[in-house]
């Protein structure tokens, strides 16, 4: 029931912020974005990003599996991966705020 009430709460908040057409357009853009398009592929595009990058992955996320985050880190010349441990899947980035905050704070302090 905790998960159900959480999803209902988040869904209600979401509906108050987005109208359906905006949501459709936003998801279409996210689904079709290709960082490598017109840049010689993702490998070439991302190896030119030299600023420090922090990639967060969630060990139980099936929407964006951890292997995709590992691949992303391998393509940036100056990236690091931190893994959020959560049983909540993709919603772990919302529910595991202490881990997220700790990783971001450490990253920002290291690159100040």
Foldseek 3Di string as FASTA:
>chain_A
DVVVVVVVVVVVVVCVPDDPVRVVVVVVCVVPDAQCVVPPHPLRSQCPDADEEEFEEEPQAPVCHPVNSVVSQVSHPHYDYDYDYDPPHPCSVVVVVVSVVVVVVVVVVVVD
